[in-house]
């Protein structure tokens, strides 16, 4: 078989079962679906752009599918926004600790 394999990334809205630990999971799931539908509509209308993942379409009425976005030569996907925010928070915590350790009110003579 000489066909080239392609990796895709799928995105689906959270459902009530995914949100069982939050207040009012039914309402939250409905909002997630609404935002997912808006995002899907926007991606379906946008022309290809180098700063956006390549949109493929919707599969099984629940998965918004994009061509794989990741590091060249690696099979792991690019970090999510949540991943990047955690890294940013971690860097902020480290910087705050460094700044707190460097605050010295003593005077050297």
PDB file of N, CA and C in Angstrom:
ATOM      1  N   UNK A   1       0.844  -1.189   0.000  1.00  0.00           N
ATOM      2  CA  UNK A   1       0.000   0.000   0.000  1.00  0.00           C
ATOM      3  C   UNK A   1       0.879   1.239   0.000  1.00  0.00           C
ATOM      4  N   UNK A   2       0.802   2.046  -1.048  1.00  0.00           N
ATOM      5  CA  UNK A   2       1.627   3.245  -1.189  1.00  0.00           C
ATOM      6  C   UNK A   2       0.904   4.520  -0.770  1.00  0.00           C
ATOM      7  N   UNK A   3      -0.264   4.401  -0.135  1.00  0.00           N
ATOM      8  CA  UNK A   3      -0.981   5.608   0.269  1.00  0.00           C
ATOM      9  C   UNK A   3      -0.309   6.223   1.485  1.00  0.00           C
ATOM     10  N   UNK A   4      -0.236   7.534   1.460  1.00  0.00           N
ATOM     11  CA  UNK A   4       0.373   8.266   2.569  1.00  0.00           C
ATOM     12  C   UNK A   4      -0.663   8.470   3.672  1.00  0.00           C
ATOM     13  N   UNK A   5      -0.264   8.192   4.908  1.00  0.00           N
ATOM     14  CA  UNK A   5      -1.175   8.374   6.035  1.00  0.00           C
ATOM     15  C   UNK A   5      -1.152   9.833   6.471  1.00  0.00           C
ATOM     16  N   UNK A   6      -2.308  10.326   6.835  1.00  0.00           N
ATOM     17  CA  UNK A   6      -2.436  11.697   7.299  1.00  0.00           C
ATOM     18  C   UNK A   6      -3.028  11.673   8.699  1.00  0.00           C
ATOM     19  N   UNK A   7      -2.490  12.488   9.567  1.00  0.00           N
ATOM     20  CA  UNK A   7      -2.998  12.590  10.931  1.00  0.00           C
ATOM     21  C   UNK A   7      -3.877  13.821  11.042  1.00  0.00           C
ATOM     22  N   UNK A   8      -4.997  13.663  11.727  1.00  0.00           N
ATOM     23  CA  UNK A   8      -5.939  14.758  11.926  1.00  0.00           C
ATOM     24  C   UNK A   8      -6.141  15.000  13.417  1.00  0.00           C
ATOM     25  N   UNK A   9      -6.630  16.175  13.731  1.00  0.00           N
ATOM     26  CA  UNK A   9      -6.987  16.532  15.096  1.00  0.00           C
ATOM     27  C   UNK A   9      -8.485  16.803  15.113  1.00  0.00           C
ATOM     28  N   UNK A  10      -9.186  16.250  16.105  1.00  0.00           N
ATOM     29  CA  UNK A  10     -10.621  16.464  16.219  1.00  0.00           C
ATOM     30  C   UNK A  10     -10.960  17.277  17.451  1.00  0.00           C
ATOM     31  N   UNK A  11     -12.010  18.046  17.350  1.00  0.00           N
ATOM     32  CA  UNK A  11     -12.477  18.862  18.458  1.00  0.00           C
ATOM     33  C   UNK A  11     -13.983  18.687  18.559  1.00  0.00           C
ATOM     34  N   UNK A  12     -14.456  18.374  19.749  1.00  0.00           N
ATOM     35  CA  UNK A  12     -15.891  18.222  19.946  1.00  0.00           C
ATOM     36  C   UNK A  12     -16.316  19.044  21.153  1.00  0.00           C
ATOM     37  N   UNK A  13     -17.588  19.413  21.208  1.00  0.00           N
ATOM     38  CA  UNK A  13     -18.051  20.169  22.375  1.00  0.00           C
ATOM     39  C   UNK A  13     -18.198  19.244  23.576  1.00  0.00           C
ATOM     40  N   UNK A  14     -17.960  19.775  24.762  1.00  0.00           N
ATOM     41  CA  UNK A  14     -18.191  18.993  25.973  1.00  0.00           C
ATOM     42  C   UNK A  14     -19.677  18.707  26.082  1.00  0.00           C
ATOM     43  N   UNK A  15     -19.987  17.534  26.627  1.00  0.00           N
ATOM     44  CA  UNK A  15     -21.393  17.213  26.854  1.00  0.00           C
ATOM     45  C   UNK A  15     -21.668  17.149  28.360  1.00  0.00           C
ATOM     46  N   UNK A  16     -22.898  16.885  28.712  1.00  0.00           N
ATOM     47  CA  UNK A  16     -23.317  16.885  30.116  1.00  0.00           C
ATOM     48  C   UNK A  16     -22.470  15.924  30.948  1.00  0.00           C
ATOM     49  N   UNK A  17     -22.157  14.751  30.412  1.00  0.00           N
ATOM     50  CA  UNK A  17     -21.358  13.773  31.148  1.00  0.00           C
ATOM     51  C   UNK A  17     -19.927  14.266  31.406  1.00  0.00           C
ATOM     52  N   UNK A  18     -19.368  15.001  30.451  1.00  0.00           N
ATOM     53  CA  UNK A  18     -18.026  15.560  30.620  1.00  0.00           C
ATOM     54  C   UNK A  18     -17.995  16.612  31.728  1.00  0.00           C
ATOM     55  N   UNK A  19     -19.128  17.230  31.974  1.00  0.00           N
ATOM     56  CA  UNK A  19     -19.207  18.365  32.896  1.00  0.00           C
ATOM     57  C   UNK A  19     -19.925  18.017  34.196  1.00  0.00           C
ATOM     58  N   UNK A  20     -19.908  16.761  34.576  1.00  0.00           N
ATOM     59  CA  UNK A  20     -20.682  16.317  35.740  1.00  0.00           C
ATOM     60  C   UNK A  20     -20.261  16.983  37.043  1.00  0.00           C
ATOM     61  N   UNK A  21     -19.060  17.529  37.109  1.00  0.00           N
ATOM     62  CA  UNK A  21     -18.573  18.121  38.360  1.00  0.00           C
ATOM     63  C   UNK A  21     -18.772  19.631  38.440  1.00  0.00           C
ATOM     64  N   UNK A  22     -19.433  20.218  37.467  1.00  0.00           N
ATOM     65  CA  UNK A  22     -19.670  21.666  37.496  1.00  0.00           C
ATOM     66  C   UNK A  22     -21.128  21.941  37.833  1.00  0.00           C
ATOM     67  N   UNK A  23     -21.381  23.173  38.268  1.00  0.00           N
ATOM     68  CA  UNK A  23     -22.746  23.582  38.572  1.00  0.00           C
ATOM     69  C   UNK A  23     -23.531  23.673  37.263  1.00  0.00           C
ATOM     70  N   UNK A  24     -24.691  23.083  37.230  1.00  0.00           N
ATOM     71  CA  UNK A  24     -25.597  23.099  36.079  1.00  0.00           C
ATOM     72  C   UNK A  24     -24.928  22.584  34.802  1.00  0.00           C
ATOM     73  N   UNK A  25     -24.561  21.298  34.777  1.00  0.00           N
ATOM     74  CA  UNK A  25     -23.875  20.740  33.596  1.00  0.00           C
ATOM     75  C   UNK A  25     -24.704  20.787  32.321  1.00  0.00           C
ATOM     76  N   UNK A  26     -26.030  20.704  32.435  1.00  0.00           N
ATOM     77  CA  UNK A  26     -26.882  20.745  31.240  1.00  0.00           C
ATOM     78  C   UNK A  26     -26.759  22.104  30.541  1.00  0.00           C
ATOM     79  N   UNK A  27     -26.830  23.179  31.332  1.00  0.00           N
ATOM     80  CA  UNK A  27     -26.730  24.526  30.769  1.00  0.00           C
ATOM     81  C   UNK A  27     -25.338  24.771  30.205  1.00  0.00           C
ATOM     82  N   UNK A  28     -24.305  24.318  30.908  1.00  0.00           N
ATOM     83  CA  UNK A  28     -22.923  24.499  30.444  1.00  0.00           C
ATOM     84  C   UNK A  28     -22.688  23.723  29.151  1.00  0.00           C
ATOM     85  N   UNK A  29     -23.211  22.505  29.065  1.00  0.00           N
ATOM     86  CA  UNK A  29     -23.068  21.699  27.845  1.00  0.00           C
ATOM     87  C   UNK A  29     -23.768  22.375  26.670  1.00  0.00           C
ATOM     88  N   UNK A  30     -24.921  22.976  26.909  1.00  0.00           N
ATOM     89  CA  UNK A  30     -25.638  23.676  25.837  1.00  0.00           C
ATOM     90  C   UNK A  30     -24.817  24.868  25.343  1.00  0.00           C
ATOM     91  N   UNK A  31     -24.173  25.587  26.275  1.00  0.00           N
ATOM     92  CA  UNK A  31     -23.327  26.717  25.873  1.00  0.00           C
ATOM     93  C   UNK A  31     -22.118  26.234  25.091  1.00  0.00           C
ATOM     94  N   UNK A  32     -21.501  25.131  25.536  1.00  0.00           N
ATOM     95  CA  UNK A  32     -20.345  24.574  24.816  1.00  0.00           C
ATOM     96  C   UNK A  32     -20.731  24.204  23.387  1.00  0.00           C
ATOM     97  N   UNK A  33     -21.876  23.576  23.234  1.00  0.00           N
ATOM     98  CA  UNK A  33     -22.348  23.199  21.898  1.00  0.00           C
ATOM     99  C   UNK A  33     -22.580  24.438  21.045  1.00  0.00           C
ATOM    100  N   UNK A  34     -23.187  25.462  21.618  1.00  0.00           N
ATOM    101  CA  UNK A  34     -23.436  26.694  20.874  1.00  0.00           C
ATOM    102  C   UNK A  34     -22.118  27.304  20.377  1.00  0.00           C
ATOM    103  N   UNK A  35     -21.131  27.442  21.264  1.00  0.00           N
ATOM    104  CA  UNK A  35     -19.851  28.027  20.862  1.00  0.00           C
ATOM    105  C   UNK A  35     -19.137  27.147  19.837  1.00  0.00           C
ATOM    106  N   UNK A  36     -19.252  25.826  19.985  1.00  0.00           N
ATOM    107  CA  UNK A  36     -18.660  24.901  19.020  1.00  0.00           C
ATOM    108  C   UNK A  36     -19.300  25.111  17.648  1.00  0.00           C
ATOM    109  N   UNK A  37     -20.629  25.266  17.619  1.00  0.00           N
ATOM    110  CA  UNK A  37     -21.331  25.485  16.348  1.00  0.00           C
ATOM    111  C   UNK A  37     -20.916  26.808  15.706  1.00  0.00           C
ATOM    112  N   UNK A  38     -20.740  27.843  16.516  1.00  0.00           N
ATOM    113  CA  UNK A  38     -20.295  29.138  15.984  1.00  0.00           C
ATOM    114  C   UNK A  38     -18.882  29.002  15.413  1.00  0.00           C
ATOM    115  N   UNK A  39     -17.998  28.351  16.171  1.00  0.00           N
ATOM    116  CA  UNK A  39     -16.625  28.164  15.701  1.00  0.00           C
ATOM    117  C   UNK A  39     -16.597  27.341  14.412  1.00  0.00           C
ATOM    118  N   UNK A  40     -17.395  26.286  14.361  1.00  0.00           N
ATOM    119  CA  UNK A  40     -17.467  25.473  13.153  1.00  0.00           C
ATOM    120  C   UNK A  40     -17.959  26.301  11.972  1.00  0.00           C
ATOM    121  N   UNK A  41     -18.976  27.113  12.189  1.00  0.00           N
ATOM    122  CA  UNK A  41     -19.495  27.972  11.129  1.00  0.00           C
ATOM    123  C   UNK A  41     -18.393  28.902  10.611  1.00  0.00           C
ATOM    124  N   UNK A  42     -17.650  29.512  11.538  1.00  0.00           N
ATOM    125  CA  UNK A  42     -16.584  30.444  11.143  1.00  0.00           C
ATOM    126  C   UNK A  42     -15.492  29.731  10.352  1.00  0.00           C
ATOM    127  N   UNK A  43     -15.032  28.582  10.856  1.00  0.00           N
ATOM    128  CA  UNK A  43     -13.990  27.854  10.136  1.00  0.00           C
ATOM    129  C   UNK A  43     -14.465  27.410   8.760  1.00  0.00           C
ATOM    130  N   UNK A  44     -15.736  27.059   8.640  1.00  0.00           N
ATOM    131  CA  UNK A  44     -16.243  26.608   7.333  1.00  0.00           C
ATOM    132  C   UNK A  44     -16.307  27.761   6.327  1.00  0.00           C
ATOM    133  N   UNK A  45     -16.369  29.001   6.793  1.00  0.00           N
ATOM    134  CA  UNK A  45     -16.452  30.164   5.905  1.00  0.00           C
ATOM    135  C   UNK A  45     -15.095  30.783   5.588  1.00  0.00           C
ATOM    136  N   UNK A  46     -14.113  30.584   6.471  1.00  0.00           N
ATOM    137  CA  UNK A  46     -12.809  31.220   6.288  1.00  0.00           C
ATOM    138  C   UNK A  46     -12.004  30.556   5.176  1.00  0.00           C
ATOM    139  N   UNK A  47     -11.317  31.363   4.368  1.00  0.00           N
ATOM    140  CA  UNK A  47     -10.407  30.769   3.375  1.00  0.00           C
ATOM    141  C   UNK A  47      -9.156  30.253   4.087  1.00  0.00           C
ATOM    142  N   UNK A  48      -8.407  29.369   3.467  1.00  0.00           N
ATOM    143  CA  UNK A  48      -7.164  28.875   4.086  1.00  0.00           C
ATOM    144  C   UNK A  48      -6.244  30.043   4.454  1.00  0.00           C
ATOM    145  N   UNK A  49      -5.595  29.902   5.593  1.00  0.00           N
ATOM    146  CA  UNK A  49      -4.707  30.952   6.082  1.00  0.00           C
ATOM    147  C   UNK A  49      -3.534  30.286   6.811  1.00  0.00           C
ATOM    148  N   UNK A  50      -2.311  30.777   6.607  1.00  0.00           N
ATOM    149  CA  UNK A  50      -1.148  30.112   7.226  1.00  0.00           C
ATOM    150  C   UNK A  50      -1.147  30.149   8.751  1.00  0.00           C
ATOM    151  N   UNK A  51      -1.891  31.064   9.362  1.00  0.00           N
ATOM    152  CA  UNK A  51      -1.924  31.144  10.815  1.00  0.00           C
ATOM    153  C   UNK A  51      -3.035  30.300  11.442  1.00  0.00           C
ATOM    154  N   UNK A  52      -3.827  29.627  10.615  1.00  0.00           N
ATOM    155  CA  UNK A  52      -4.927  28.803  11.113  1.00  0.00           C
ATOM    156  C   UNK A  52      -4.710  27.348  10.721  1.00  0.00           C
ATOM    157  N   UNK A  53      -5.165  26.420  11.571  1.00  0.00           N
ATOM    158  CA  UNK A  53      -5.078  25.012  11.171  1.00  0.00           C
ATOM    159  C   UNK A  53      -5.985  24.770   9.969  1.00  0.00           C
ATOM    160  N   UNK A  54      -5.605  23.832   9.130  1.00  0.00           N
ATOM    161  CA  UNK A  54      -6.405  23.518   7.938  1.00  0.00           C
ATOM    162  C   UNK A  54      -7.678  22.794   8.352  1.00  0.00           C
ATOM    163  N   UNK A  55      -8.806  23.432   8.112  1.00  0.00           N
ATOM    164  CA  UNK A  55     -10.113  22.893   8.473  1.00  0.00           C
ATOM    165  C   UNK A  55     -10.531  21.851   7.449  1.00  0.00           C
ATOM    166  N   UNK A  56     -10.960  20.675   7.927  1.00  0.00           N
ATOM    167  CA  UNK A  56     -11.392  19.596   7.039  1.00  0.00           C
ATOM    168  C   UNK A  56     -12.912  19.525   6.972  1.00  0.00           C
ATOM    169  N   UNK A  57     -13.576  19.661   8.116  1.00  0.00           N
ATOM    170  CA  UNK A  57     -15.033  19.585   8.165  1.00  0.00           C
ATOM    171  C   UNK A  57     -15.491  18.922   9.446  1.00  0.00           C
ATOM    172  N   UNK A  58     -16.734  18.448   9.454  1.00  0.00           N
ATOM    173  CA  UNK A  58     -17.317  17.802  10.634  1.00  0.00           C
ATOM    174  C   UNK A  58     -17.529  16.325  10.325  1.00  0.00           C
ATOM    175  N   UNK A  59     -17.164  15.497  11.284  1.00  0.00           N
ATOM    176  CA  UNK A  59     -17.322  14.047  11.150  1.00  0.00           C
ATOM    177  C   UNK A  59     -18.262  13.563  12.243  1.00  0.00           C
ATOM    178  N   UNK A  60     -19.168  12.680  11.892  1.00  0.00           N
ATOM    179  CA  UNK A  60     -20.126  12.089  12.836  1.00  0.00           C
ATOM    180  C   UNK A  60     -20.946  13.135  13.592  1.00  0.00           C
ATOM    181  N   UNK A  61     -21.178  14.277  12.995  1.00  0.00           N
ATOM    182  CA  UNK A  61     -21.967  15.361  13.584  1.00  0.00           C
ATOM    183  C   UNK A  61     -21.477  15.834  14.947  1.00  0.00           C
ATOM    184  N   UNK A  62     -20.235  15.478  15.317  1.00  0.00           N
ATOM    185  CA  UNK A  62     -19.752  15.921  16.615  1.00  0.00           C
ATOM    186  C   UNK A  62     -18.274  16.275  16.642  1.00  0.00           C
ATOM    187  N   UNK A  63     -17.529  15.930  15.607  1.00  0.00           N
ATOM    188  CA  UNK A  63     -16.092  16.203  15.598  1.00  0.00           C
ATOM    189  C   UNK A  63     -15.746  17.210  14.511  1.00  0.00           C
ATOM    190  N   UNK A  64     -15.237  18.366  14.919  1.00  0.00           N
ATOM    191  CA  UNK A  64     -14.692  19.338  13.984  1.00  0.00           C
ATOM    192  C   UNK A  64     -13.263  18.856  13.709  1.00  0.00           C
ATOM    193  N   UNK A  65     -12.924  18.644  12.449  1.00  0.00           N
ATOM    194  CA  UNK A  65     -11.652  18.007  12.107  1.00  0.00           C
ATOM    195  C   UNK A  65     -10.723  18.984  11.386  1.00  0.00           C
ATOM    196  N   UNK A  66      -9.449  18.945  11.820  1.00  0.00           N
ATOM    197  CA  UNK A  66      -8.400  19.787  11.250  1.00  0.00           C
ATOM    198  C   UNK A  66      -7.216  18.905  10.886  1.00  0.00           C
ATOM    199  N   UNK A  67      -6.435  19.348   9.926  1.00  0.00           N
ATOM    200  CA  UNK A  67      -5.181  18.653   9.653  1.00  0.00           C
ATOM    201  C   UNK A  67      -4.278  18.818  10.863  1.00  0.00           C
ATOM    202  N   UNK A  68      -3.429  17.852  11.064  1.00  0.00           N
ATOM    203  CA  UNK A  68      -2.531  17.819  12.222  1.00  0.00           C
ATOM    204  C   UNK A  68      -1.682  19.080  12.309  1.00  0.00           C
ATOM    205  N   UNK A  69      -1.584  19.627  13.511  1.00  0.00           N
ATOM    206  CA  UNK A  69      -0.724  20.760  13.793  1.00  0.00           C
ATOM    207  C   UNK A  69       0.209  20.325  14.909  1.00  0.00           C
ATOM    208  N   UNK A  70       1.501  20.314  14.626  1.00  0.00           N
ATOM    209  CA  UNK A  70       2.453  19.890  15.641  1.00  0.00           C
ATOM    210  C   UNK A  70       3.857  20.236  15.240  1.00  0.00           C
ATOM    211  N   UNK A  71       4.783  19.779  16.059  1.00  0.00           N
ATOM    212  CA  UNK A  71       6.189  20.014  15.768  1.00  0.00           C
ATOM    213  C   UNK A  71       6.624  19.128  14.612  1.00  0.00           C
ATOM    214  N   UNK A  72       7.439  19.674  13.732  1.00  0.00           N
ATOM    215  CA  UNK A  72       7.923  18.896  12.595  1.00  0.00           C
ATOM    216  C   UNK A  72       8.654  17.654  13.086  1.00  0.00           C
ATOM    217  N   UNK A  73       8.313  16.524  12.502  1.00  0.00           N
ATOM    218  CA  UNK A  73       8.996  15.286  12.832  1.00  0.00           C
ATOM    219  C   UNK A  73       8.499  14.613  14.093  1.00  0.00           C
ATOM    220  N   UNK A  74       7.571  15.219  14.812  1.00  0.00           N
ATOM    221  CA  UNK A  74       7.037  14.614  16.029  1.00  0.00           C
ATOM    222  C   UNK A  74       5.585  14.224  15.798  1.00  0.00           C
ATOM    223  N   UNK A  75       5.132  13.256  16.566  1.00  0.00           N
ATOM    224  CA  UNK A  75       3.755  12.811  16.411  1.00  0.00           C
ATOM    225  C   UNK A  75       2.841  13.385  17.486  1.00  0.00           C
ATOM    226  N   UNK A  76       3.362  14.274  18.316  1.00  0.00           N
ATOM    227  CA  UNK A  76       2.516  14.892  19.339  1.00  0.00           C
ATOM    228  C   UNK A  76       1.959  16.200  18.802  1.00  0.00           C
ATOM    229  N   UNK A  77       0.715  16.486  19.160  1.00  0.00           N
ATOM    230  CA  UNK A  77       0.123  17.729  18.646  1.00  0.00           C
ATOM    231  C   UNK A  77       0.725  18.962  19.291  1.00  0.00           C
ATOM    232  N   UNK A  78       0.514  20.069  18.651  1.00  0.00           N
ATOM    233  CA  UNK A  78       0.925  21.353  19.211  1.00  0.00           C
ATOM    234  C   UNK A  78       0.185  21.552  20.528  1.00  0.00           C
ATOM    235  N   UNK A  79       0.758  22.317  21.451  1.00  0.00           N
ATOM    236  CA  UNK A  79       0.085  22.523  22.737  1.00  0.00           C
ATOM    237  C   UNK A  79      -1.240  23.265  22.564  1.00  0.00           C
ATOM    238  N   UNK A  80      -2.176  22.944  23.442  1.00  0.00           N
ATOM    239  CA  UNK A  80      -3.461  23.639  23.431  1.00  0.00           C
ATOM    240  C   UNK A  80      -3.302  24.981  24.133  1.00  0.00           C
ATOM    241  N   UNK A  81      -4.311  25.819  24.016  1.00  0.00           N
ATOM    242  CA  UNK A  81      -4.293  27.093  24.716  1.00  0.00           C
ATOM    243  C   UNK A  81      -4.182  26.864  26.219  1.00  0.00           C
ATOM    244  N   UNK A  82      -4.884  25.863  26.723  1.00  0.00           N
ATOM    245  CA  UNK A  82      -4.813  25.534  28.150  1.00  0.00           C
ATOM    246  C   UNK A  82      -3.393  25.143  28.553  1.00  0.00           C
ATOM    247  N   UNK A  83      -2.724  24.338  27.716  1.00  0.00           N
ATOM    248  CA  UNK A  83      -1.328  23.951  27.987  1.00  0.00           C
ATOM    249  C   UNK A  83      -0.431  25.177  28.062  1.00  0.00           C
ATOM    250  N   UNK A  84      -0.600  26.091  27.114  1.00  0.00           N
ATOM    251  CA  UNK A  84       0.234  27.290  27.074  1.00  0.00           C
ATOM    252  C   UNK A  84      -0.035  28.198  28.268  1.00  0.00           C
ATOM    253  N   UNK A  85      -1.294  28.277  28.676  1.00  0.00           N
ATOM    254  CA  UNK A  85      -1.626  29.107  29.834  1.00  0.00           C
ATOM    255  C   UNK A  85      -0.994  28.532  31.105  1.00  0.00           C
ATOM    256  N   UNK A  86      -0.966  27.199  31.233  1.00  0.00           N
ATOM    257  CA  UNK A  86      -0.325  26.575  32.391  1.00  0.00           C
ATOM    258  C   UNK A  86       1.168  26.864  32.389  1.00  0.00           C
ATOM    259  N   UNK A  87       1.789  26.793  31.212  1.00  0.00           N
ATOM    260  CA  UNK A  87       3.219  27.112  31.119  1.00  0.00           C
ATOM    261  C   UNK A  87       3.472  28.563  31.499  1.00  0.00           C
ATOM    262  N   UNK A  88       2.589  29.453  31.034  1.00  0.00           N
ATOM    263  CA  UNK A  88       2.719  30.869  31.336  1.00  0.00           C
ATOM    264  C   UNK A  88       2.559  31.115  32.840  1.00  0.00           C
ATOM    265  N   UNK A  89       1.560  30.450  33.453  1.00  0.00           N
ATOM    266  CA  UNK A  89       1.357  30.579  34.895  1.00  0.00           C
ATOM    267  C   UNK A  89       2.559  30.067  35.668  1.00  0.00           C
ATOM    268  N   UNK A  90       3.115  28.960  35.206  1.00  0.00           N
ATOM    269  CA  UNK A  90       4.293  28.383  35.857  1.00  0.00           C
ATOM    270  C   UNK A  90       5.481  29.333  35.761  1.00  0.00           C
ATOM    271  N   UNK A  91       5.659  29.955  34.599  1.00  0.00           N
ATOM    272  CA  UNK A  91       6.754  30.909  34.419  1.00  0.00           C
ATOM    273  C   UNK A  91       6.541  32.129  35.313  1.00  0.00           C
ATOM    274  N   UNK A  92       5.289  32.591  35.425  1.00  0.00           N
ATOM    275  CA  UNK A  92       4.988  33.725  36.301  1.00  0.00           C
ATOM    276  C   UNK A  92       5.302  33.388  37.752  1.00  0.00           C
ATOM    277  N   UNK A  93       4.930  32.173  38.174  1.00  0.00           N
ATOM    278  CA  UNK A  93       5.218  31.752  39.548  1.00  0.00           C
ATOM    279  C   UNK A  93       6.715  31.734  39.804  1.00  0.00           C
ATOM    280  N   UNK A  94       7.477  31.219  38.848  1.00  0.00           N
ATOM    281  CA  UNK A  94       8.934  31.176  39.003  1.00  0.00           C
ATOM    282  C   UNK A  94       9.526  32.580  39.060  1.00  0.00           C
ATOM    283  N   UNK A  95       9.031  33.487  38.219  1.00  0.00           N
ATOM    284  CA  UNK A  95       9.516  34.866  38.231  1.00  0.00           C
ATOM    285  C   UNK A  95       9.173  35.564  39.540  1.00  0.00           C
ATOM    286  N   UNK A  96       7.969  35.318  40.055  1.00  0.00           N
ATOM    287  CA  UNK A  96       7.579  35.927  41.326  1.00  0.00           C
ATOM    288  C   UNK A  96       8.449  35.418  42.465  1.00  0.00           C
ATOM    289  N   UNK A  97       8.766  34.132  42.450  1.00  0.00           N
ATOM    290  CA  UNK A  97       9.642  33.577  43.483  1.00  0.00           C
ATOM    291  C   UNK A  97      11.033  34.180  43.385  1.00  0.00           C
ATOM    292  N   UNK A  98      11.535  34.359  42.161  1.00  0.00           N
ATOM    293  CA  UNK A  98      12.856  34.969  41.978  1.00  0.00           C
ATOM    294  C   UNK A  98      12.846  36.406  42.470  1.00  0.00           C
ATOM    295  N   UNK A  99      11.768  37.135  42.148  1.00  0.00           N
ATOM    296  CA  UNK A  99      11.672  38.527  42.586  1.00  0.00           C
ATOM    297  C   UNK A  99      11.567  38.632  44.097  1.00  0.00           C
ATOM    298  N   UNK A 100      10.834  37.717  44.722  1.00  0.00           N
ATOM    299  CA  UNK A 100      10.700  37.739  46.165  1.00  0.00           C
ATOM    300  C   UNK A 100      12.024  37.432  46.843  1.00  0.00           C
ATOM    301  N   UNK A 101      12.815  36.570  46.237  1.00  0.00           N
ATOM    302  CA  UNK A 101      14.113  36.228  46.807  1.00  0.00           C
ATOM    303  C   UNK A 101      15.122  37.345  46.626  1.00  0.00           C
ATOM    304  N   UNK A 102      14.890  38.217  45.653  1.00  0.00           N
ATOM    305  CA  UNK A 102      15.838  39.299  45.369  1.00  0.00           C
ATOM    306  C   UNK A 102      15.474  40.604  46.063  1.00  0.00           C
ATOM    307  N   UNK A 103      14.320  40.643  46.721  1.00  0.00           N
ATOM    308  CA  UNK A 103      13.929  41.858  47.434  1.00  0.00           C
ATOM    309  C   UNK A 103      14.646  41.905  48.772  1.00  0.00           C
ATOM    310  N   UNK A 104      15.692  42.682  48.818  1.00  0.00           N
ATOM    311  CA  UNK A 104      16.512  42.791  50.023  1.00  0.00           C
ATOM    312  C   UNK A 104      16.519  44.249  50.448  1.00  0.00           C
ATOM    313  N   UNK A 105      15.916  44.507  51.601  1.00  0.00           N
ATOM    314  CA  UNK A 105      15.823  45.882  52.082  1.00  0.00           C
ATOM    315  C   UNK A 105      17.052  46.320  52.861  1.00  0.00           C
ATOM    316  N   UNK A 106      18.003  45.431  53.030  1.00  0.00           N
ATOM    317  CA  UNK A 106      19.188  45.796  53.802  1.00  0.00           C
ATOM    318  C   UNK A 106      20.092  46.697  52.972  1.00  0.00           C
ATOM    319  N   UNK A 107      20.887  47.472  53.643  1.00  0.00           N
ATOM    320  CA  UNK A 107      21.802  48.391  52.987  1.00  0.00           C
ATOM    321  C   UNK A 107      23.221  47.884  53.193  1.00  0.00           C
ATOM    322  N   UNK A 108      23.932  47.767  52.083  1.00  0.00           N
ATOM    323  CA  UNK A 108      25.335  47.352  52.179  1.00  0.00           C
ATOM    324  C   UNK A 108      26.215  48.570  52.307  1.00  0.00           C
ATOM    325  N   UNK A 109      27.131  48.515  53.239  1.00  0.00           N
ATOM    326  CA  UNK A 109      28.042  49.657  53.436  1.00  0.00           C
ATOM    327  C   UNK A 109      29.446  49.216  53.114  1.00  0.00           C
TER     328      UNK A 109
END
